[in-house]
Amino acid sequence: MKKSKGINFEKLLHLCQAGSDFRKQLVTDGGVMFRFSIYMRHCPSAENAQVHIKRVKSFLPPLGQIGILTVTDKQFGTMELFTCRLLCPVKRTYPLWGALSFYRVFV
């Protein structure tokens, strides 16, 4: 008798839990949600950013797409953020010194 090729809900639940655990670890490591599925963490130096990048790599989930982007304070300062279709700048609440690391989370 052939097995059904339906969804393996146990495996799906395990993958969802792995993604949830990853996000919790990002927050524990100092990550803050910048936008939906985008987390950022302020690092005072490039060396400190490398330490946190190494740490994030150590707890990656088994599946998903994770990207890490490191930007300088100057680059972050030139970013334009809008909250609506009309050009409404977002009040900046992030520190403007050192390096920032962004974690794009797709799980």
Protein backbone atom coordinates (compact mmCIF):
# COMPACT_ATOMS: atom_id res chain seq x y z
CA MET A 1 0.00 0.00 0.00
CA LYS A 2 1.39 3.46 -0.97
CA LYS A 3 1.81 6.16 1.61
CA SER A 4 -0.05 9.40 1.08
CA LYS A 5 2.07 12.32 -0.09
CA GLY A 6 0.16 14.66 2.19
CA ILE A 7 1.62 17.22 4.52
CA ASN A 8 3.73 15.87 7.34
CA PHE A 9 2.28 18.04 10.12
CA GLU A 10 4.77 16.79 12.69
CA LYS A 11 7.69 17.91 10.53
CA LEU A 12 5.94 21.22 9.74
CA LEU A 13 5.37 21.86 13.45
CA HIS A 14 9.05 21.10 14.16
CA LEU A 15 10.16 23.61 11.47
CA CYS A 16 7.81 26.29 12.78
CA GLN A 17 9.15 25.74 16.28
CA ALA A 18 12.72 26.02 14.97
CA GLY A 19 11.88 29.38 13.38
CA SER A 20 10.24 30.59 16.56
CA ASP A 21 13.25 29.49 18.63
CA PHE A 22 15.57 31.32 16.20
CA ARG A 23 13.62 34.56 16.59
CA LYS A 24 13.68 34.19 20.39
CA GLN A 25 17.45 33.71 20.30
CA LEU A 26 17.83 36.84 18.13
CA VAL A 27 15.91 38.84 20.73
CA THR A 28 17.93 37.28 23.57
CA ASP A 29 21.10 38.34 21.73
CA GLY A 30 19.84 41.94 21.67
CA GLY A 31 17.98 41.92 18.36
CA VAL A 32 15.05 44.28 17.94
CA MET A 33 12.33 43.87 15.32
CA PHE A 34 12.86 46.65 12.78
CA ARG A 35 10.10 45.56 10.41
CA PHE A 36 8.15 42.32 10.09
CA SER A 37 10.75 39.53 9.82
CA ILE A 38 13.62 42.02 9.93
CA TYR A 39 15.63 42.23 13.12
CA MET A 40 18.48 44.58 13.89
CA ARG A 41 21.08 44.88 16.58
CA HIS A 42 23.30 47.82 17.36
CA CYS A 43 27.00 47.01 17.63
CA PRO A 44 29.50 49.66 18.75
CA SER A 45 32.22 48.40 16.39
CA ALA A 46 32.80 46.18 13.36
CA GLU A 47 34.64 43.71 15.60
CA ASN A 48 31.65 43.46 17.92
CA ALA A 49 29.36 42.99 14.91
CA GLN A 50 31.49 40.03 13.81
CA VAL A 51 31.08 38.43 17.25
CA HIS A 52 27.30 38.66 16.97
CA ILE A 53 27.28 37.45 13.36
CA LYS A 54 29.25 34.39 14.47
CA ARG A 55 26.76 33.85 17.30
CA VAL A 56 23.76 34.09 14.93
CA LYS A 57 25.39 31.58 12.59
CA SER A 58 25.70 29.18 15.53
CA PHE A 59 21.91 28.98 16.03
CA LEU A 60 20.55 29.08 12.47
CA PRO A 61 17.39 27.02 11.93
CA PRO A 62 17.61 23.92 9.70
CA LEU A 63 15.55 25.52 6.91
CA GLY A 64 14.84 29.08 5.88
CA GLN A 65 16.67 32.00 4.36
CA ILE A 66 18.68 34.18 6.69
CA GLY A 67 20.63 37.19 5.52
CA ILE A 68 22.90 39.43 7.57
CA LEU A 69 23.64 42.97 6.45
CA THR A 70 26.09 45.17 8.30
CA VAL A 71 25.80 48.91 7.75
CA THR A 72 27.75 51.77 9.24
CA ASP A 73 26.17 54.51 11.30
CA LYS A 74 26.59 56.91 8.38
CA GLN A 75 24.82 54.50 6.00
CA PHE A 76 22.01 53.95 8.49
CA GLY A 77 21.69 57.71 8.89
CA THR A 78 21.01 58.16 5.17
CA MET A 79 18.13 55.66 5.23
CA GLU A 80 14.69 57.15 4.54
CA LEU A 81 11.84 55.47 6.42
CA PHE A 82 8.16 56.04 5.66
CA THR A 83 5.06 54.71 7.38
CA CYS A 84 2.42 55.59 4.78
CA ARG A 85 1.98 56.45 1.10
CA LEU A 86 2.43 60.12 1.89
CA LEU A 87 6.05 60.88 2.67
CA CYS A 88 5.85 60.67 6.47
CA PRO A 89 9.32 60.22 7.98
CA VAL A 90 9.54 57.84 10.94
CA LYS A 91 10.97 59.31 14.13
CA ARG A 92 14.39 57.70 14.55
CA THR A 93 14.66 55.92 17.90
CA TYR A 94 17.88 54.01 17.22
CA PRO A 95 21.33 55.08 18.42
CA LEU A 96 23.37 56.81 15.73
CA TRP A 97 26.84 55.49 16.51
CA GLY A 98 28.77 52.32 15.73
CA ALA A 99 27.70 49.57 13.38
CA LEU A 100 24.24 48.07 13.00
CA SER A 101 23.57 44.52 11.91
CA PHE A 102 20.29 43.61 10.29
CA TYR A 103 18.96 40.07 10.28
CA ARG A 104 16.35 39.25 7.66
CA VAL A 105 14.40 36.26 8.90
CA PHE A 106 12.38 34.01 6.58
CA VAL A 107 11.07 30.91 8.31
